[in-house]
Amino acid sequence: MSTGLGPMPGTDPGESASVVLGELGEAPHHPFLAQLPARGPGADPTGRAGALLVDLALDLQPSGWRFTDHPGRDQFRARTFLRNDLDALAEAADGFTGDLVVPVPGPWSLLAAVELPRGERSVIDPGARRDVTESLAVGIETHLADVARLVPGASRTVLLEEPSLSAVLEGRLPTASGYGSLRAVDAAEVRQGLRTVVEAVCRSGATPVLRLAPDGPFALAREAGAAGVAVDVTHVEDAGWESLATGIEAGVTLWAGVVPVDRRPPVGDVVRVLEQRWRRLGLVLPSLADVVVTPVGGLQRLDPATVRSFLGRLREVQDATTEVAQG
């Protein structure tokens, strides 16, 4: 299996959806709902989150996104972008019956990114942590219902984006002044917040996968109920690999960010990264066939003319990985 992570170059949702379905629309590969950050504010990851929130408003200020009393034009723009993306997906995926990847923001990275009205990151406020998590969970359920209505033949896998999760847990987020760091949030609360969103995904009939930074808390993802973990494996340290291996043996699917976006090493070299790790960790080689191959990051920096060939390269790496797994 192979898939992308969401971000794509360009500003045309119809073209992006057509390219993704054209290149990844046949099993065992997974097309994904594209995001087009080049469209500007509202198409960025935090703006996409604002489009999903229920009964919470945010707007873009000079310092960044901030919660407000009433929705502003930036949140309206984000919702318009999301509707356009869904309409484009529905047209391109007419008759599609495979698995569809739906990237959405995770609660803790959203809280780390959006400021309170008084100007500090909202992750410092216990009430905001509760309200944002619950609002996002409801919004994701609604979003998944829309996807199911527009692409009725598809199963859905939700890619919960949590790049700031480690910083939240370890107290590494800078204060608004930049001269200090915010207090770490207790791991039990972080786990429960993730579980709230994961359970909403499961209630919708979708499969939750948590995307983390290479130093991410992989064990916490398992404890929160994620069925898979997505990570740039080219930057995971040995201790992280040990944790990933524990999850793999417990049935957690690895989404391996292993295909470089900015260069083109031989396919065999890319696959060898996974094969060598599998052997070093003592994992059974046939289980390598369960790995979902992804880029190491989003594709938004690619020239739109090269996206098709890159997605084709993803398929090649996945096919070669399956061959290695089969011996």
Foldseek 3Di string as FASTA:
>chain_A
DAEAQAEAADDQLLVVLQLQCVLQLDPPGAGEQHQYCVVDQLSDQLSLLLLLFDCWAWDADPLGIETDNDHDPSNVVNVVRVVNSLVSNLVNLPVRQEEYEYEHEALVVNQLGYHYPVGWRNLLDPVSSVRSLLRNLVSVLVVLVSNCVSNVNYAYEYEHEDACLVCQQVQNRAIRVRPGTGDHDHLVSVLVSLLSNQVSCVVSVHAYEYEYELVDPLVSCVSSPHLEYEYAVVPHDPVSLLSVVVVVVVRREYAYQQQEQPDHDPLVVSLVVVVVSCVVNVHQLLSLLRYYYYHNHHHHPPDNVCPSVVSNSSVVSSVVSNVRSVD
